[in-house]
C-alpha atoms as a PDB file:
ATOM      1  CA  MET A   1      61.111  14.836  60.456  1.00  0.00           C
ATOM      2  CA  PRO A   2      59.892  12.675  63.330  1.00  0.00           C
ATOM      3  CA  LEU A   3      60.907  15.397  65.872  1.00  0.00           C
ATOM      4  CA  ARG A   4      59.053  18.685  65.934  1.00  0.00           C
ATOM      5  CA  ILE A   5      59.438  21.601  68.337  1.00  0.00           C
ATOM      6  CA  LEU A   6      56.230  23.558  68.959  1.00  0.00           C
ATOM      7  CA  TYR A   7      55.428  26.607  71.048  1.00  0.00           C
ATOM      8  CA  THR A   8      52.083  25.382  72.470  1.00  0.00           C
ATOM      9  CA  ASP A   9      50.136  24.183  75.491  1.00  0.00           C
ATOM     10  CA  ILE A  10      50.847  20.435  75.690  1.00  0.00           C
ATOM     11  CA  THR A  11      47.465  19.652  77.223  1.00  0.00           C
ATOM     12  CA  GLN A  12      45.743  20.837  74.002  1.00  0.00           C
ATOM     13  CA  LEU A  13      47.586  18.450  71.690  1.00  0.00           C
ATOM     14  CA  GLU A  14      45.729  15.543  70.130  1.00  0.00           C
ATOM     15  CA  VAL A  15      48.429  12.886  70.368  1.00  0.00           C
ATOM     16  CA  ASP A  16      48.535   9.333  71.665  1.00  0.00           C
ATOM     17  CA  ALA A  17      50.465  10.283  74.760  1.00  0.00           C
ATOM     18  CA  ILE A  18      51.670  13.351  76.595  1.00  0.00           C
ATOM     19  CA  VAL A  19      54.417  13.381  79.209  1.00  0.00           C
ATOM     20  CA  ASN A  20      53.845  14.770  82.698  1.00  0.00           C
ATOM     21  CA  PRO A  21      57.034  15.858  84.544  1.00  0.00           C
ATOM     22  CA  THR A  22      56.187  15.168  88.141  1.00  0.00           C
ATOM     23  CA  ASP A  23      57.797  14.120  91.453  1.00  0.00           C
ATOM     24  CA  ARG A  24      58.105  10.671  93.006  1.00  0.00           C
ATOM     25  CA  PHE A  25      54.564  10.969  94.524  1.00  0.00           C
ATOM     26  CA  TYR A  26      52.773  12.389  91.441  1.00  0.00           C
ATOM     27  CA  SER A  27      51.782  15.404  93.554  1.00  0.00           C
ATOM     28  CA  GLY A  28      50.810  17.925  90.846  1.00  0.00           C
ATOM     29  CA  GLY A  29      52.903  20.510  92.553  1.00  0.00           C
ATOM     30  CA  GLY A  30      53.487  23.020  89.788  1.00  0.00           C
ATOM     31  CA  GLY A  31      53.937  23.867  86.121  1.00  0.00           C
ATOM     32  CA  VAL A  32      52.753  21.289  83.603  1.00  0.00           C
ATOM     33  CA  ASP A  33      52.171  18.766  86.429  1.00  0.00           C
ATOM     34  CA  GLU A  34      49.719  21.127  88.169  1.00  0.00           C
ATOM     35  CA  LEU A  35      48.037  22.013  84.871  1.00  0.00           C
ATOM     36  CA  ILE A  36      47.445  18.333  84.007  1.00  0.00           C
ATOM     37  CA  HIS A  37      46.193  17.537  87.506  1.00  0.00           C
ATOM     38  CA  ASN A  38      43.806  20.519  87.415  1.00  0.00           C
ATOM     39  CA  LYS A  39      42.328  19.362  84.081  1.00  0.00           C
ATOM     40  CA  CYS A  40      42.033  15.686  85.000  1.00  0.00           C
ATOM     41  CA  GLY A  41      40.969  16.072  88.646  1.00  0.00           C
ATOM     42  CA  ASP A  42      40.210  13.165  91.004  1.00  0.00           C
ATOM     43  CA  PRO A  43      40.360  10.377  88.332  1.00  0.00           C
ATOM     44  CA  LEU A  44      44.058  11.110  87.833  1.00  0.00           C
ATOM     45  CA  ASP A  45      44.754  11.393  91.557  1.00  0.00           C
ATOM     46  CA  ASN A  46      43.072   8.055  92.138  1.00  0.00           C
ATOM     47  CA  ALA A  47      45.017   6.409  89.318  1.00  0.00           C
ATOM     48  CA  THR A  48      48.434   7.642  90.422  1.00  0.00           C
ATOM     49  CA  ALA A  49      47.665   6.641  94.043  1.00  0.00           C
ATOM     50  CA  LYS A  50      47.746   3.015  92.788  1.00  0.00           C
ATOM     51  CA  LEU A  51      51.231   3.427  91.201  1.00  0.00           C
ATOM     52  CA  SER A  52      54.488   2.726  92.965  1.00  0.00           C
ATOM     53  CA  VAL A  53      56.931   5.511  93.861  1.00  0.00           C
ATOM     54  CA  LEU A  54      58.380   7.121  90.709  1.00  0.00           C
ATOM     55  CA  HIS A  55      62.153   7.105  90.759  1.00  0.00           C
ATOM     56  CA  LEU A  56      64.308   9.573  88.830  1.00  0.00           C
ATOM     57  CA  GLY A  57      64.353   8.752  85.140  1.00  0.00           C
ATOM     58  CA  GLU A  58      61.499   6.243  85.340  1.00  0.00           C
ATOM     59  CA  ALA A  59      58.262   6.420  83.345  1.00  0.00           C
ATOM     60  CA  LYS A  60      54.808   5.109  84.312  1.00  0.00           C
ATOM     61  CA  ALA A  61      51.470   5.498  82.491  1.00  0.00           C
ATOM     62  CA  THR A  62      47.882   6.291  83.285  1.00  0.00           C
ATOM     63  CA  SER A  63      44.835   6.997  81.106  1.00  0.00           C
ATOM     64  CA  GLY A  64      44.539  10.439  79.494  1.00  0.00           C
ATOM     65  CA  PHE A  65      41.205  11.025  81.295  1.00  0.00           C
ATOM     66  CA  ALA A  66      39.838  14.500  80.323  1.00  0.00           C
ATOM     67  CA  LEU A  67      42.714  15.310  77.986  1.00  0.00           C
ATOM     68  CA  PRO A  68      42.661  14.668  74.240  1.00  0.00           C
ATOM     69  CA  CYS A  69      45.312  11.964  74.508  1.00  0.00           C
ATOM     70  CA  LYS A  70      45.071   8.235  75.202  1.00  0.00           C
ATOM     71  CA  TYR A  71      47.768   8.132  77.881  1.00  0.00           C
ATOM     72  CA  ILE A  72      49.656  10.367  80.276  1.00  0.00           C
ATOM     73  CA  ILE A  73      53.241   9.162  80.759  1.00  0.00           C
ATOM     74  CA  HIS A  74      54.540  10.276  84.146  1.00  0.00           C
ATOM     75  CA  THR A  75      58.254  10.802  84.631  1.00  0.00           C
ATOM     76  CA  SER A  76      60.431  12.267  87.317  1.00  0.00           C
ATOM     77  CA  GLY A  77      63.323  14.481  86.224  1.00  0.00           C
ATOM     78  CA  PRO A  78      66.400  15.365  88.237  1.00  0.00           C
ATOM     79  CA  THR A  79      67.083  18.594  90.035  1.00  0.00           C
ATOM     80  CA  TRP A  80      70.081  20.486  88.683  1.00  0.00           C
ATOM     81  CA  MET A  81      72.835  20.307  91.271  1.00  0.00           C
ATOM     82  CA  LYS A  82      75.754  20.875  88.842  1.00  0.00           C
ATOM     83  CA  ALA A  83      76.767  17.213  88.894  1.00  0.00           C
ATOM     84  CA  HIS A  84      76.485  17.321  85.056  1.00  0.00           C
ATOM     85  CA  PHE A  85      76.972  13.733  83.818  1.00  0.00           C
ATOM     86  CA  LEU A  86      74.574  12.098  86.317  1.00  0.00           C
ATOM     87  CA  GLU A  87      71.845  14.730  85.966  1.00  0.00           C
ATOM     88  CA  ILE A  88      72.094  14.867  82.193  1.00  0.00           C
ATOM     89  CA  SER A  89      71.987  11.072  82.041  1.00  0.00           C
ATOM     90  CA  LEU A  90      68.920  10.894  84.273  1.00  0.00           C
ATOM     91  CA  LEU A  91      67.191  13.646  82.303  1.00  0.00           C
ATOM     92  CA  GLY A  92      67.884  11.754  79.050  1.00  0.00           C
ATOM     93  CA  SER A  93      66.434   8.634  80.646  1.00  0.00           C
ATOM     94  CA  CYS A  94      63.127  10.494  81.237  1.00  0.00           C
ATOM     95  CA  TYR A  95      62.756  10.969  77.457  1.00  0.00           C
ATOM     96  CA  ARG A  96      64.049   7.548  76.368  1.00  0.00           C
ATOM     97  CA  ASN A  97      61.980   5.598  78.910  1.00  0.00           C
ATOM     98  CA  SER A  98      58.855   7.601  78.178  1.00  0.00           C
ATOM     99  CA  VAL A  99      59.116   6.889  74.434  1.00  0.00           C
ATOM    100  CA  GLN A 100      59.816   3.196  75.080  1.00  0.00           C
ATOM    101  CA  LEU A 101      56.780   2.922  77.373  1.00  0.00           C
ATOM    102  CA  ALA A 102      54.524   4.820  74.989  1.00  0.00           C
ATOM    103  CA  TYR A 103      55.607   2.603  72.105  1.00  0.00           C
ATOM    104  CA  SER A 104      54.957  -0.533  74.130  1.00  0.00           C
ATOM    105  CA  LEU A 105      51.366   0.777  74.747  1.00  0.00           C
ATOM    106  CA  GLY A 106      50.833   1.083  70.989  1.00  0.00           C
ATOM    107  CA  CYS A 107      51.350   4.853  70.795  1.00  0.00           C
ATOM    108  CA  ARG A 108      52.775   6.344  67.625  1.00  0.00           C
ATOM    109  CA  SER A 109      52.778   9.998  68.725  1.00  0.00           C
ATOM    110  CA  ILE A 110      53.991  11.553  71.948  1.00  0.00           C
ATOM    111  CA  ALA A 111      54.476  15.081  73.185  1.00  0.00           C
ATOM    112  CA  PHE A 112      56.924  16.259  75.799  1.00  0.00           C
ATOM    113  CA  PRO A 113      57.251  19.482  77.803  1.00  0.00           C
ATOM    114  CA  LEU A 114      60.750  20.618  78.600  1.00  0.00           C
ATOM    115  CA  ILE A 115      61.465  18.380  81.611  1.00  0.00           C
ATOM    116  CA  SER A 116      63.272  19.759  84.715  1.00  0.00           C
ATOM    117  CA  SER A 117      63.558  23.241  83.166  1.00  0.00           C
ATOM    118  CA  LYS A 118      61.421  25.105  85.682  1.00  0.00           C
ATOM    119  CA  GLY A 119      61.018  23.918  89.242  1.00  0.00           C
ATOM    120  CA  LYS A 120      64.122  21.732  89.078  1.00  0.00           C
ATOM    121  CA  ARG A 121      66.355  24.521  87.809  1.00  0.00           C
ATOM    122  CA  PHE A 122      67.983  22.827  84.825  1.00  0.00           C
ATOM    123  CA  PRO A 123      69.590  25.504  82.606  1.00  0.00           C
ATOM    124  CA  LYS A 124      67.071  26.013  79.741  1.00  0.00           C
ATOM    125  CA  GLU A 125      69.433  25.590  76.829  1.00  0.00           C
ATOM    126  CA  LEU A 126      71.044  22.539  78.383  1.00  0.00           C
ATOM    127  CA  ALA A 127      67.617  21.106  79.090  1.00  0.00           C
ATOM    128  CA  ILE A 128      66.658  21.595  75.425  1.00  0.00           C
ATOM    129  CA  LYS A 129      69.893  20.118  74.107  1.00  0.00           C
ATOM    130  CA  THR A 130      69.636  17.074  76.423  1.00  0.00           C
ATOM    131  CA  ALA A 131      65.982  16.579  75.298  1.00  0.00           C
ATOM    132  CA  VAL A 132      66.888  16.763  71.621  1.00  0.00           C
ATOM    133  CA  ASN A 133      69.831  14.349  71.996  1.00  0.00           C
ATOM    134  CA  ALA A 134      67.711  11.814  73.886  1.00  0.00           C
ATOM    135  CA  ILE A 135      64.796  12.127  71.439  1.00  0.00           C
ATOM    136  CA  LEU A 136      67.060  11.664  68.446  1.00  0.00           C
ATOM    137  CA  GLU A 137      68.323   8.437  69.958  1.00  0.00           C
ATOM    138  CA  CYS A 138      64.702   7.290  70.129  1.00  0.00           C
ATOM    139  CA  VAL A 139      64.061   8.324  66.510  1.00  0.00           C
ATOM    140  CA  ASP A 140      66.522   5.659  65.262  1.00  0.00           C
ATOM    141  CA  GLU A 141      65.026   3.002  67.483  1.00  0.00           C
ATOM    142  CA  TYR A 142      61.393   3.944  66.877  1.00  0.00           C
ATOM    143  CA  PRO A 143      61.368   5.515  63.385  1.00  0.00           C
ATOM    144  CA  ASP A 144      57.550   5.445  63.083  1.00  0.00           C
ATOM    145  CA  MET A 145      57.037   7.529  66.244  1.00  0.00           C
ATOM    146  CA  ASP A 146      56.009  11.164  65.873  1.00  0.00           C
ATOM    147  CA  ILE A 147      57.709  13.033  68.744  1.00  0.00           C
ATOM    148  CA  ILE A 148      56.886  16.618  69.708  1.00  0.00           C
ATOM    149  CA  LEU A 149      58.861  18.805  72.155  1.00  0.00           C
ATOM    150  CA  THR A 150      56.710  21.675  73.393  1.00  0.00           C
ATOM    151  CA  ILE A 151      58.114  24.957  74.550  1.00  0.00           C
ATOM    152  CA  TYR A 152      55.671  27.047  76.608  1.00  0.00           C
ATOM    153  CA  GLY A 153      55.765  29.785  79.213  1.00  0.00           C
ATOM    154  CA  LYS A 154      57.004  33.348  79.730  1.00  0.00           C
ATOM    155  CA  TRP A 155      60.693  32.369  79.663  1.00  0.00           C
ATOM    156  CA  ALA A 156      60.325  31.044  76.063  1.00  0.00           C
ATOM    157  CA  GLU A 157      59.137  34.489  74.950  1.00  0.00           C
ATOM    158  CA  SER A 158      62.441  36.002  75.979  1.00  0.00           C
ATOM    159  CA  ILE A 159      64.524  33.580  73.901  1.00  0.00           C
ATOM    160  CA  PRO A 160      65.566  35.137  70.621  1.00  0.00           C
ATOM    161  CA  SER A 161      64.361  33.543  67.448  1.00  0.00           C
ATOM    162  CA  SER A 162      67.980  32.958  66.456  1.00  0.00           C
ATOM    163  CA  PHE A 163      68.221  30.325  69.218  1.00  0.00           C
ATOM    164  CA  PHE A 164      65.425  28.273  67.739  1.00  0.00           C
ATOM    165  CA  GLU A 165      66.949  28.709  64.265  1.00  0.00           C
ATOM    166  CA  SER A 166      70.285  27.436  65.528  1.00  0.00           C
ATOM    167  CA  LEU A 167      68.464  24.608  67.317  1.00  0.00           C
ATOM    168  CA  SER A 168      66.838  23.569  64.060  1.00  0.00           C
ATOM    169  CA  GLY A 169      70.248  23.565  62.438  1.00  0.00           C
ATOM    170  CA  TYR A 170      71.567  21.487  65.326  1.00  0.00           C
ATOM    171  CA  ILE A 171      68.831  18.919  64.848  1.00  0.00           C
ATOM    172  CA  ALA A 172      69.428  18.777  61.121  1.00  0.00           C
ATOM    173  CA  ASP A 173      73.201  18.301  61.658  1.00  0.00           C
ATOM    174  CA  THR A 174      72.817  15.768  64.440  1.00  0.00           C
ATOM    175  CA  TYR A 175      70.058  13.595  62.925  1.00  0.00           C
ATOM    176  CA  LYS A 176      71.391  11.935  59.839  1.00  0.00           C
ATOM    177  CA  PRO A 177      69.390   8.870  58.850  1.00  0.00           C
ATOM    178  CA  ASP A 178      71.614   5.856  58.691  1.00  0.00           C
ATOM    179  CA  GLU A 179      71.278   4.622  55.063  1.00  0.00           C
ATOM    180  CA  GLU A 180      73.163   1.420  55.959  1.00  0.00           C
ATOM    181  CA  GLN A 181      70.687   0.806  58.714  1.00  0.00           C
ATOM    182  CA  LYS A 182      67.798   1.295  56.347  1.00  0.00           C
ATOM    183  CA  GLU A 183      69.370  -1.192  53.965  1.00  0.00           C
ATOM    184  CA  ARG A 184      69.868  -3.631  56.803  1.00  0.00           C
ATOM    185  CA  CYS A 185      66.245  -3.283  57.837  1.00  0.00           C
ATOM    186  CA  SER A 186      65.172  -4.044  54.258  1.00  0.00           C
ATOM    187  CA  LYS A 187      67.359  -7.090  54.257  1.00  0.00           C
ATOM    188  CA  ASN A 188      65.967  -8.175  57.610  1.00  0.00           C
ATOM    189  CA  ASP A 189      62.446  -7.988  56.155  1.00  0.00           C
ATOM    190  CA  ASP A 190      63.569 -10.262  53.341  1.00  0.00           C
ATOM    191  CA  ALA A 191      65.299 -12.540  55.826  1.00  0.00           C
ATOM    192  CA  GLU A 192      62.096 -12.886  57.874  1.00  0.00           C
ATOM    193  CA  ASP A 193      60.241 -14.026  54.740  1.00  0.00           C
ATOM    194  CA  GLY A 194      63.096 -16.449  54.106  1.00  0.00           C
ATOM    195  CA  GLU A 195      63.039 -17.726  57.718  1.00  0.00           C
ATOM    196  CA  GLN A 196      59.287 -18.287  57.393  1.00  0.00           C
ATOM    197  CA  SER A 197      59.892 -20.471  54.347  1.00  0.00           C
ATOM    198  CA  PHE A 198      62.562 -22.382  56.324  1.00  0.00           C
ATOM    199  CA  ILE A 199      60.072 -22.957  59.154  1.00  0.00           C
ATOM    200  CA  MET A 200      57.423 -24.238  56.754  1.00  0.00           C
ATOM    201  CA  ASN A 201      60.063 -26.496  55.177  1.00  0.00           C
ATOM    202  CA  LEU A 202      61.092 -27.775  58.644  1.00  0.00           C
ATOM    203  CA  ILE A 203      57.517 -28.686  59.430  1.00  0.00           C
ATOM    204  CA  ASP A 204      57.410 -30.906  56.327  1.00  0.00           C
ATOM    205  CA  ASN A 205      61.074 -32.033  56.554  1.00  0.00           C
ATOM    206  CA  PRO A 206      62.364 -31.773  60.156  1.00  0.00           C
ATOM    207  CA  THR A 207      66.022 -32.566  59.414  1.00  0.00           C
ATOM    208  CA  GLN A 208      69.319 -31.220  60.647  1.00  0.00           C
ATOM    209  CA  LYS A 209      70.248 -30.378  57.025  1.00  0.00           C
ATOM    210  CA  ASN A 210      67.380 -27.954  56.763  1.00  0.00           C
ATOM    211  CA  LEU A 211      67.962 -26.585  60.265  1.00  0.00           C
ATOM    212  CA  ASP A 212      71.555 -25.800  59.366  1.00  0.00           C
ATOM    213  CA  LYS A 213      70.306 -23.363  56.677  1.00  0.00           C
ATOM    214  CA  ILE A 214      69.017 -20.932  59.265  1.00  0.00           C
ATOM    215  CA  GLU A 215      71.646 -18.384  60.260  1.00  0.00           C
ATOM    216  CA  VAL A 216      72.126 -18.013  64.046  1.00  0.00           C
ATOM    217  CA  ASP A 217      73.642 -14.886  65.543  1.00  0.00           C
ATOM    218  CA  GLU A 218      76.786 -14.822  67.718  1.00  0.00           C
ATOM    219  CA  SER A 219      76.203 -16.184  71.179  1.00  0.00           C
ATOM    220  CA  PHE A 220      77.260 -14.440  74.425  1.00  0.00           C
ATOM    221  CA  ALA A 221      80.207 -16.861  74.840  1.00  0.00           C
ATOM    222  CA  GLU A 222      81.305 -16.154  71.262  1.00  0.00           C
ATOM    223  CA  MET A 223      81.079 -12.422  71.833  1.00  0.00           C
ATOM    224  CA  LEU A 224      83.059 -12.621  75.037  1.00  0.00           C
ATOM    225  CA  ASN A 225      85.809 -14.684  73.371  1.00  0.00           C
ATOM    226  CA  ARG A 226      85.893 -12.260  70.439  1.00  0.00           C
ATOM    227  CA  LEU A 227      86.281  -9.241  72.750  1.00  0.00           C
ATOM    228  CA  ILE A 228      89.058 -10.977  74.678  1.00  0.00           C
ATOM    229  CA  SER A 229      90.852 -11.720  71.448  1.00  0.00           C
ATOM    230  CA  GLU A 230      90.308  -8.327  69.778  1.00  0.00           C
ATOM    231  CA  ARG A 231      91.402  -6.399  72.911  1.00  0.00           C
ATOM    232  CA  ASN A 232      94.369  -8.720  73.614  1.00  0.00           C
ATOM    233  CA  THR A 233      92.978  -9.113  77.132  1.00  0.00           C
ATOM    234  CA  LYS A 234      95.122 -10.861  79.694  1.00  0.00           C
ATOM    235  CA  THR A 235      93.220 -13.504  81.657  1.00  0.00           C
ATOM    236  CA  ASN A 236      94.515 -12.220  85.021  1.00  0.00           C
ATOM    237  CA  ASP A 237      93.289  -8.701  84.210  1.00  0.00           C
ATOM    238  CA  LEU A 238      89.830  -9.968  83.435  1.00  0.00           C
ATOM    239  CA  LEU A 239      89.787 -12.157  86.576  1.00  0.00           C
ATOM    240  CA  ASP A 240      90.791  -9.162  88.697  1.00  0.00           C
ATOM    241  CA  GLY A 241      88.342  -6.866  86.936  1.00  0.00           C
ATOM    242  CA  LEU A 242      85.397  -9.174  87.561  1.00  0.00           C
ATOM    243  CA  ASP A 243      86.640 -10.661  90.834  1.00  0.00           C
ATOM    244  CA  ILE A 244      85.816 -14.211  89.668  1.00  0.00           C
ATOM    245  CA  SER A 245      87.756 -17.468  89.642  1.00  0.00           C
ATOM    246  CA  ALA A 246      89.464 -18.926  86.606  1.00  0.00           C
ATOM    247  CA  ALA A 247      87.005 -21.832  86.643  1.00  0.00           C
ATOM    248  CA  ALA A 248      83.999 -19.468  86.569  1.00  0.00           C
ATOM    249  CA  LEU A 249      85.507 -17.467  83.692  1.00  0.00           C
ATOM    250  CA  SER A 250      86.192 -20.680  81.790  1.00  0.00           C
ATOM    251  CA  LYS A 251      82.518 -21.687  82.120  1.00  0.00           C
ATOM    252  CA  LEU A 252      81.452 -18.305  80.781  1.00  0.00           C
ATOM    253  CA  ARG A 253      83.817 -18.601  77.823  1.00  0.00           C
ATOM    254  CA  ASN A 254      82.625 -22.148  77.085  1.00  0.00           C
ATOM    255  CA  GLY A 255      78.941 -21.278  77.306  1.00  0.00           C
ATOM    256  CA  LYS A 256      78.391 -23.609  80.265  1.00  0.00           C
ATOM    257  CA  ASN A 257      77.243 -20.832  82.630  1.00  0.00           C
ATOM    258  CA  ASN A 258      75.014 -17.816  81.950  1.00  0.00           C
ATOM    259  CA  PRO A 259      76.339 -14.566  83.507  1.00  0.00           C
ATOM    260  CA  SER A 260      74.338 -12.430  85.889  1.00  0.00           C
ATOM    261  CA  LYS A 261      73.177  -9.030  84.767  1.00  0.00           C
ATOM    262  CA  LEU A 262      75.597  -7.316  87.148  1.00  0.00           C
ATOM    263  CA  THR A 263      78.487  -9.383  85.654  1.00  0.00           C
ATOM    264  CA  LEU A 264      77.409  -8.197  82.181  1.00  0.00           C
ATOM    265  CA  PHE A 265      77.501  -4.594  83.314  1.00  0.00           C
ATOM    266  CA  ALA A 266      80.960  -5.153  84.782  1.00  0.00           C
ATOM    267  CA  LEU A 267      82.103  -6.717  81.531  1.00  0.00           C
ATOM    268  CA  ALA A 268      80.682  -3.769  79.490  1.00  0.00           C
ATOM    269  CA  ILE A 269      82.604  -1.315  81.672  1.00  0.00           C
ATOM    270  CA  PHE A 270      85.775  -3.468  81.623  1.00  0.00           C
ATOM    271  CA  PHE A 271      85.789  -3.576  77.830  1.00  0.00           C
ATOM    272  CA  ARG A 272      84.535   0.022  77.572  1.00  0.00           C
ATOM    273  CA  LEU A 273      81.646  -0.971  75.343  1.00  0.00           C
ATOM    274  CA  SER A 274      79.325   1.563  73.731  1.00  0.00           C
ATOM    275  CA  ILE A 275      75.665   1.569  74.848  1.00  0.00           C
ATOM    276  CA  GLU A 276      74.707  -0.213  71.630  1.00  0.00           C
ATOM    277  CA  ASP A 277      77.227  -2.997  72.178  1.00  0.00           C
ATOM    278  CA  THR A 278      76.181  -3.289  75.795  1.00  0.00           C
ATOM    279  CA  LYS A 279      72.556  -3.758  74.746  1.00  0.00           C
ATOM    280  CA  ASP A 280      73.735  -6.395  72.217  1.00  0.00           C
ATOM    281  CA  MET A 281      75.720  -8.261  74.862  1.00  0.00           C
ATOM    282  CA  LEU A 282      72.762  -8.166  77.303  1.00  0.00           C
ATOM    283  CA  MET A 283      70.418  -9.517  74.618  1.00  0.00           C
ATOM    284  CA  LYS A 284      72.849 -12.364  73.733  1.00  0.00           C
ATOM    285  CA  ALA A 285      72.721 -13.435  77.417  1.00  0.00           C
ATOM    286  CA  GLY A 286      68.954 -13.117  77.584  1.00  0.00           C
ATOM    287  CA  TYR A 287      68.658  -9.710  79.307  1.00  0.00           C
ATOM    288  CA  ALA A 288      67.585  -6.151  78.427  1.00  0.00           C
ATOM    289  CA  PHE A 289      67.781  -2.757  80.114  1.00  0.00           C
ATOM    290  CA  ASN A 290      64.865  -2.406  82.524  1.00  0.00           C
ATOM    291  CA  PRO A 291      63.501   1.176  82.570  1.00  0.00           C
ATOM    292  CA  SER A 292      61.883   0.449  85.950  1.00  0.00           C
ATOM    293  CA  SER A 293      65.211  -0.410  87.551  1.00  0.00           C
ATOM    294  CA  MET A 294      67.183   2.415  89.106  1.00  0.00           C
ATOM    295  CA  GLN A 295      70.253   0.222  88.879  1.00  0.00           C
ATOM    296  CA  ASP A 296      69.858  -0.202  85.125  1.00  0.00           C
ATOM    297  CA  ILE A 297      69.111   3.499  84.553  1.00  0.00           C
ATOM    298  CA  ILE A 298      72.252   4.622  86.441  1.00  0.00           C
ATOM    299  CA  VAL A 299      74.595   2.066  84.879  1.00  0.00           C
ATOM    300  CA  SER A 300      73.311   2.575  81.378  1.00  0.00           C
ATOM    301  CA  GLY A 301      73.571   6.347  81.861  1.00  0.00           C
ATOM    302  CA  LEU A 302      77.203   6.003  82.922  1.00  0.00           C
ATOM    303  CA  ILE A 303      77.971   3.905  79.863  1.00  0.00           C
ATOM    304  CA  ARG A 304      76.135   6.413  77.624  1.00  0.00           C
ATOM    305  CA  GLU A 305      78.337   9.170  78.992  1.00  0.00           C
ATOM    306  CA  GLY A 306      81.496   7.096  78.420  1.00  0.00           C
ATOM    307  CA  ILE A 307      82.355   6.890  82.150  1.00  0.00           C
ATOM    308  CA  TYR A 308      84.292   3.652  82.818  1.00  0.00           C
ATOM    309  CA  ASP A 309      86.340   4.577  85.873  1.00  0.00           C
ATOM    310  CA  ARG A 310      85.528   1.871  88.428  1.00  0.00           C
ATOM    311  CA  TYR A 311      86.419   4.051  91.396  1.00  0.00           C
ATOM    312  CA  GLN A 312      83.974   6.733  90.275  1.00  0.00           C
ATOM    313  CA  ILE A 313      81.285   4.176  89.372  1.00  0.00           C
ATOM    314  CA  ASP A 314      81.596   2.121  92.576  1.00  0.00           C
ATOM    315  CA  ASP A 315      81.599   5.242  94.732  1.00  0.00           C
ATOM    316  CA  LEU A 316      78.444   6.456  93.013  1.00  0.00           C
ATOM    317  CA  LEU A 317      76.614   3.140  93.336  1.00  0.00           C
ATOM    318  CA  TYR A 318      77.628   2.849  96.992  1.00  0.00           C
ATOM    319  CA  ALA A 319      76.436   6.410  97.702  1.00  0.00           C
ATOM    320  CA  LEU A 320      73.068   5.659  96.067  1.00  0.00           C
ATOM    321  CA  ASP A 321      72.714   2.394  98.042  1.00  0.00           C
ATOM    322  CA  LEU A 322      72.601   0.350  94.809  1.00  0.00           C
ATOM    323  CA  GLN A 323      74.240  -3.046  94.152  1.00  0.00           C
ATOM    324  CA  LEU A 324      77.945  -2.913  93.491  1.00  0.00           C
ATOM    325  CA  LEU A 325      79.209  -4.532  90.346  1.00  0.00           C
ATOM    326  CA  PRO A 326      81.528  -7.576  90.500  1.00  0.00           C
ATOM    327  CA  GLY A 327      85.142  -6.455  91.171  1.00  0.00           C
ATOM    328  CA  ALA A 328      84.006  -3.349  93.116  1.00  0.00           C
ATOM    329  CA  VAL A 329      86.847  -1.252  94.418  1.00  0.00           C
ATOM    330  CA  VAL A 330      84.969   0.582  97.160  1.00  0.00           C
END
């Protein structure tokens, strides 16, 4: 299984990357953060001094320095204030963004401590469950990554073995490899070989007839029109929901204008799209979630949690001094 839970000191693991739960200034103030800073010394302090402020849920990398890993991924977890959905979402982002960053650096193994479980007062069992859920999401997206969750410290000694047994059962029940997805991946590999032959054919015979043989995915405009049709959406409701003119909507539906990222987020919330469908819609319009954007982290977290109430969303974005989405009701 690509997820393992070990009772060990994370700084001793020989993996491509380890994750350091720190604060926005990489201060090394306690726990794993202090341990890593003590072992790496001034080289780590000098490296983090060159990095920008680390916002909640973000991930940034430095060299592994004196540790037996190639990289240290620094992330800032939330403090538990009993707000539940927001804190759980931000904590999940720490794991997802760390794996994404490590993978982009060429890492194929990464180890996490239990983020926010000590100095930031996250309930231990909730911290573990949030970590496992976020990591299992990454397993499907990065199936060749070896991910380790380390449990270490005096508090772990007091947890009965039955908890870890039930956790193993939870992982086994939650993570069920998608056989259809595996089959699709296999077909995609075949399709890439076929596409390559099409490209070689086009080089020799650059004709529209050969170009038509290449399958093209649904465009953003086609997806928007499909959603409107499938949901029996009234034009006036969509105009009010996005606060745009009929002419602007018409251009979006006809593919004459490309939407802004904020408009895409507003559409995803209007249609109550899943996080997977939201990513798909962003991609069709030429965008992707940016793990370095607080706006993206918060909005994607809300969608992951199935929160689509515009009053709640707009109030939160306003309170955090982030950009409001089109059609804001604040």
